[in-house]
Amino acid sequence: MQLDRFLLPCVNKKIFGIDCLGCGLQRALIHVFEGNFKMAFFQFPAIYTSLLFLLVLGLHFVDETRNYSKVLQASAVANGAAMLLAYFYKFYSII
């Protein structure tokens, strides 16, 4: 990956030494843009729920004729659950 030098460092990891819930999101997003969907999932399992959430959020702001609040809440809950599950799986599989 040539874009590694442009990635933002995780402040939580620098200060406390442990990953945050979003660690791996930037690299997974690069994998998605490159078409490496399997690698993106292994880098950050919640990448697809995060992209779905961002898509619905964008629709919520752009399309004012429809009400996206319920879909936005559901995608936020699904994304949060996926992030928590992935985080605890990564945390407890390392130990």
N, C-alpha and C. Protein backbone atom coordinates (compact mmCIF):
# COMPACT_ATOMS: atom_id res chain seq x y z
N MET A 1 0.83 -1.19 0.00
CA MET A 1 0.00 0.00 0.00
C MET A 1 0.87 1.25 0.00
N GLN A 2 0.66 2.10 -0.94
CA GLN A 2 1.44 3.33 -1.02
C GLN A 2 0.86 4.43 -0.16
N LEU A 3 -0.36 4.29 0.27
CA LEU A 3 -1.01 5.33 1.05
C LEU A 3 -0.74 5.22 2.54
N ASP A 4 0.06 4.26 2.97
CA ASP A 4 0.33 4.06 4.40
C ASP A 4 0.92 5.30 5.06
N ARG A 5 1.71 6.04 4.33
CA ARG A 5 2.36 7.20 4.94
C ARG A 5 1.40 8.36 5.19
N PHE A 6 0.19 8.30 4.61
CA PHE A 6 -0.79 9.36 4.79
C PHE A 6 -1.85 9.05 5.84
N LEU A 7 -1.80 7.87 6.45
CA LEU A 7 -2.80 7.48 7.44
C LEU A 7 -2.61 8.24 8.74
N LEU A 8 -3.72 8.58 9.36
CA LEU A 8 -3.66 9.26 10.65
C LEU A 8 -3.37 8.26 11.76
N PRO A 9 -2.50 8.61 12.70
CA PRO A 9 -2.21 7.68 13.81
C PRO A 9 -3.37 7.65 14.80
N CYS A 10 -3.52 6.52 15.47
CA CYS A 10 -4.56 6.38 16.49
C CYS A 10 -4.05 7.01 17.79
N VAL A 11 -4.73 8.06 18.22
CA VAL A 11 -4.32 8.77 19.44
C VAL A 11 -4.48 7.87 20.66
N ASN A 12 -5.55 7.09 20.69
CA ASN A 12 -5.80 6.19 21.81
C ASN A 12 -4.66 5.17 21.94
N LYS A 13 -4.21 4.65 20.81
CA LYS A 13 -3.14 3.66 20.84
C LYS A 13 -1.81 4.30 21.24
N LYS A 14 -1.59 5.53 20.81
CA LYS A 14 -0.35 6.21 21.18
C LYS A 14 -0.30 6.54 22.67
N ILE A 15 -1.45 6.96 23.23
CA ILE A 15 -1.47 7.37 24.64
C ILE A 15 -1.57 6.16 25.57
N PHE A 16 -2.54 5.27 25.30
CA PHE A 16 -2.82 4.17 26.23
C PHE A 16 -2.20 2.84 25.81
N GLY A 17 -1.78 2.72 24.56
CA GLY A 17 -1.16 1.49 24.10
C GLY A 17 -2.12 0.39 23.69
N ILE A 18 -3.42 0.69 23.61
CA ILE A 18 -4.40 -0.31 23.17
C ILE A 18 -5.21 0.25 22.00
N ASP A 19 -5.70 -0.65 21.18
CA ASP A 19 -6.50 -0.25 20.03
C ASP A 19 -7.81 0.38 20.47
N CYS A 20 -8.35 1.25 19.62
CA CYS A 20 -9.67 1.81 19.86
C CYS A 20 -10.68 1.03 19.01
N LEU A 21 -11.95 1.38 19.10
CA LEU A 21 -12.98 0.69 18.33
C LEU A 21 -12.82 0.89 16.83
N GLY A 22 -12.18 1.96 16.43
CA GLY A 22 -12.05 2.26 15.01
C GLY A 22 -10.70 1.92 14.41
N CYS A 23 -9.82 1.32 15.19
CA CYS A 23 -8.50 0.97 14.66
C CYS A 23 -8.65 -0.01 13.50
N GLY A 24 -8.04 0.32 12.40
CA GLY A 24 -8.10 -0.50 11.20
C GLY A 24 -9.06 0.02 10.15
N LEU A 25 -9.86 1.03 10.50
CA LEU A 25 -10.86 1.56 9.57
C LEU A 25 -10.20 2.19 8.34
N GLN A 26 -9.15 2.96 8.53
CA GLN A 26 -8.50 3.62 7.39
C GLN A 26 -7.90 2.61 6.43
N ARG A 27 -7.22 1.63 6.96
CA ARG A 27 -6.61 0.60 6.10
C ARG A 27 -7.68 -0.22 5.40
N ALA A 28 -8.76 -0.54 6.10
CA ALA A 28 -9.85 -1.29 5.49
C ALA A 28 -10.50 -0.49 4.38
N LEU A 29 -10.64 0.80 4.57
CA LEU A 29 -11.22 1.65 3.54
C LEU A 29 -10.34 1.69 2.29
N ILE A 30 -9.05 1.71 2.48
CA ILE A 30 -8.12 1.65 1.35
C ILE A 30 -8.27 0.31 0.63
N HIS A 31 -8.41 -0.78 1.38
CA HIS A 31 -8.62 -2.09 0.76
C HIS A 31 -9.91 -2.12 -0.05
N VAL A 32 -10.96 -1.50 0.45
CA VAL A 32 -12.23 -1.45 -0.29
C VAL A 32 -12.04 -0.69 -1.59
N PHE A 33 -11.35 0.45 -1.54
CA PHE A 33 -11.12 1.24 -2.75
C PHE A 33 -10.26 0.49 -3.76
N GLU A 34 -9.37 -0.36 -3.28
CA GLU A 34 -8.52 -1.16 -4.17
C GLU A 34 -9.23 -2.42 -4.66
N GLY A 35 -10.39 -2.73 -4.08
CA GLY A 35 -11.13 -3.91 -4.50
C GLY A 35 -10.81 -5.17 -3.72
N ASN A 36 -10.03 -5.05 -2.66
CA ASN A 36 -9.68 -6.18 -1.81
C ASN A 36 -10.70 -6.29 -0.68
N PHE A 37 -11.89 -6.79 -1.00
CA PHE A 37 -12.99 -6.78 -0.04
C PHE A 37 -12.76 -7.76 1.11
N LYS A 38 -12.13 -8.87 0.82
CA LYS A 38 -11.85 -9.85 1.89
C LYS A 38 -10.81 -9.31 2.86
N MET A 39 -9.77 -8.68 2.32
CA MET A 39 -8.74 -8.10 3.18
C MET A 39 -9.31 -6.96 4.02
N ALA A 40 -10.24 -6.20 3.44
CA ALA A 40 -10.88 -5.11 4.17
C ALA A 40 -11.64 -5.66 5.37
N PHE A 41 -12.35 -6.76 5.18
CA PHE A 41 -13.09 -7.36 6.28
C PHE A 41 -12.15 -7.87 7.36
N PHE A 42 -11.04 -8.49 6.97
CA PHE A 42 -10.10 -9.00 7.97
C PHE A 42 -9.38 -7.85 8.69
N GLN A 43 -9.18 -6.74 8.02
CA GLN A 43 -8.54 -5.58 8.65
C GLN A 43 -9.46 -4.92 9.67
N PHE A 44 -10.74 -4.76 9.28
CA PHE A 44 -11.71 -4.11 10.15
C PHE A 44 -13.09 -4.69 9.82
N PRO A 45 -13.55 -5.67 10.60
CA PRO A 45 -14.80 -6.37 10.26
C PRO A 45 -16.04 -5.48 10.17
N ALA A 46 -16.04 -4.34 10.80
CA ALA A 46 -17.21 -3.47 10.75
C ALA A 46 -17.16 -2.47 9.60
N ILE A 47 -16.29 -2.71 8.61
CA ILE A 47 -16.15 -1.76 7.51
C ILE A 47 -17.44 -1.63 6.71
N TYR A 48 -18.13 -2.72 6.48
CA TYR A 48 -19.32 -2.66 5.62
C TYR A 48 -20.50 -2.04 6.35
N THR A 49 -20.62 -2.27 7.64
CA THR A 49 -21.68 -1.59 8.38
C THR A 49 -21.36 -0.11 8.53
N SER A 50 -20.08 0.23 8.62
CA SER A 50 -19.68 1.64 8.69
C SER A 50 -20.00 2.35 7.38
N LEU A 51 -19.71 1.69 6.26
CA LEU A 51 -20.02 2.29 4.96
C LEU A 51 -21.52 2.44 4.77
N LEU A 52 -22.29 1.46 5.23
CA LEU A 52 -23.75 1.56 5.15
C LEU A 52 -24.25 2.74 5.98
N PHE A 53 -23.72 2.87 7.17
CA PHE A 53 -24.11 3.99 8.03
C PHE A 53 -23.77 5.33 7.38
N LEU A 54 -22.58 5.45 6.81
CA LEU A 54 -22.19 6.70 6.16
C LEU A 54 -23.05 7.00 4.94
N LEU A 55 -23.44 5.96 4.21
CA LEU A 55 -24.32 6.14 3.06
C LEU A 55 -25.69 6.66 3.50
N VAL A 56 -26.27 6.05 4.51
CA VAL A 56 -27.57 6.49 5.01
C VAL A 56 -27.48 7.90 5.60
N LEU A 57 -26.38 8.19 6.28
CA LEU A 57 -26.18 9.54 6.83
C LEU A 57 -26.11 10.57 5.71
N GLY A 58 -25.40 10.24 4.66
CA GLY A 58 -25.34 11.15 3.51
C GLY A 58 -26.70 11.35 2.87
N LEU A 59 -27.46 10.27 2.72
CA LEU A 59 -28.81 10.39 2.18
C LEU A 59 -29.70 11.25 3.07
N HIS A 60 -29.52 11.12 4.37
CA HIS A 60 -30.31 11.89 5.32
C HIS A 60 -30.10 13.39 5.13
N PHE A 61 -28.87 13.80 4.84
CA PHE A 61 -28.57 15.21 4.66
C PHE A 61 -28.88 15.72 3.26
N VAL A 62 -28.73 14.86 2.25
CA VAL A 62 -28.93 15.29 0.87
C VAL A 62 -30.40 15.26 0.46
N ASP A 63 -31.09 14.18 0.77
CA ASP A 63 -32.48 14.00 0.36
C ASP A 63 -33.40 14.43 1.50
N GLU A 64 -33.87 15.65 1.43
CA GLU A 64 -34.71 16.17 2.51
C GLU A 64 -36.18 15.84 2.33
N THR A 65 -36.54 15.20 1.21
CA THR A 65 -37.95 14.86 0.97
C THR A 65 -38.37 13.62 1.73
N ARG A 66 -37.43 12.79 2.12
CA ARG A 66 -37.75 11.56 2.84
C ARG A 66 -37.19 11.61 4.26
N ASN A 67 -37.78 10.81 5.12
CA ASN A 67 -37.35 10.73 6.50
C ASN A 67 -36.50 9.47 6.68
N TYR A 68 -35.22 9.65 6.92
CA TYR A 68 -34.29 8.54 7.08
C TYR A 68 -33.95 8.27 8.54
N SER A 69 -34.66 8.85 9.47
CA SER A 69 -34.25 8.77 10.87
C SER A 69 -34.29 7.34 11.41
N LYS A 70 -35.31 6.56 11.08
CA LYS A 70 -35.38 5.17 11.58
C LYS A 70 -34.29 4.31 10.96
N VAL A 71 -34.07 4.48 9.66
CA VAL A 71 -33.02 3.71 8.98
C VAL A 71 -31.66 4.12 9.51
N LEU A 72 -31.49 5.41 9.77
CA LEU A 72 -30.23 5.92 10.31
C LEU A 72 -29.97 5.36 11.70
N GLN A 73 -31.00 5.32 12.54
CA GLN A 73 -30.84 4.75 13.88
C GLN A 73 -30.52 3.26 13.81
N ALA A 74 -31.21 2.54 12.94
CA ALA A 74 -30.96 1.10 12.82
C ALA A 74 -29.55 0.82 12.31
N SER A 75 -29.09 1.59 11.34
CA SER A 75 -27.74 1.37 10.82
C SER A 75 -26.69 1.78 11.84
N ALA A 76 -26.98 2.79 12.66
CA ALA A 76 -26.05 3.19 13.71
C ALA A 76 -25.93 2.09 14.78
N VAL A 77 -27.05 1.50 15.15
CA VAL A 77 -27.03 0.42 16.13
C VAL A 77 -26.31 -0.80 15.57
N ALA A 78 -26.58 -1.14 14.31
CA ALA A 78 -25.91 -2.29 13.68
C ALA A 78 -24.41 -2.04 13.58
N ASN A 79 -24.02 -0.82 13.23
CA ASN A 79 -22.61 -0.49 13.13
C ASN A 79 -21.94 -0.54 14.50
N GLY A 80 -22.59 0.02 15.51
CA GLY A 80 -22.03 -0.03 16.86
C GLY A 80 -21.87 -1.45 17.37
N ALA A 81 -22.87 -2.28 17.12
CA ALA A 81 -22.78 -3.68 17.55
C ALA A 81 -21.66 -4.41 16.82
N ALA A 82 -21.53 -4.17 15.52
CA ALA A 82 -20.46 -4.82 14.75
C ALA A 82 -19.09 -4.36 15.23
N MET A 83 -18.96 -3.07 15.54
CA MET A 83 -17.68 -2.56 16.03
C MET A 83 -17.33 -3.16 17.39
N LEU A 84 -18.32 -3.25 18.27
CA LEU A 84 -18.07 -3.84 19.59
C LEU A 84 -17.71 -5.31 19.50
N LEU A 85 -18.45 -6.05 18.69
CA LEU A 85 -18.16 -7.47 18.53
C LEU A 85 -16.76 -7.69 17.95
N ALA A 86 -16.41 -6.91 16.94
CA ALA A 86 -15.09 -7.04 16.33
C ALA A 86 -13.99 -6.66 17.31
N TYR A 87 -14.23 -5.63 18.11
CA TYR A 87 -13.23 -5.17 19.08
C TYR A 87 -12.99 -6.23 20.14
N PHE A 88 -14.07 -6.76 20.70
CA PHE A 88 -13.90 -7.76 21.75
C PHE A 88 -13.33 -9.07 21.20
N TYR A 89 -13.68 -9.41 19.98
CA TYR A 89 -13.09 -10.60 19.37
C TYR A 89 -11.59 -10.41 19.19
N LYS A 90 -11.18 -9.23 18.69
CA LYS A 90 -9.76 -8.96 18.49
C LYS A 90 -9.04 -8.91 19.83
N PHE A 91 -9.65 -8.29 20.82
CA PHE A 91 -9.01 -8.14 22.13
C PHE A 91 -8.83 -9.48 22.81
N TYR A 92 -9.85 -10.32 22.78
CA TYR A 92 -9.77 -11.60 23.50
C TYR A 92 -9.10 -12.69 22.69
N SER A 93 -8.98 -12.53 21.39
CA SER A 93 -8.26 -13.54 20.61
C SER A 93 -6.76 -13.32 20.66
N ILE A 94 -6.34 -12.11 21.04
CA ILE A 94 -4.90 -11.82 21.15
C ILE A 94 -4.36 -12.39 22.46
N ILE A 95 -5.15 -12.31 23.51
CA ILE A 95 -4.67 -12.72 24.84
C ILE A 95 -4.49 -14.20 24.93
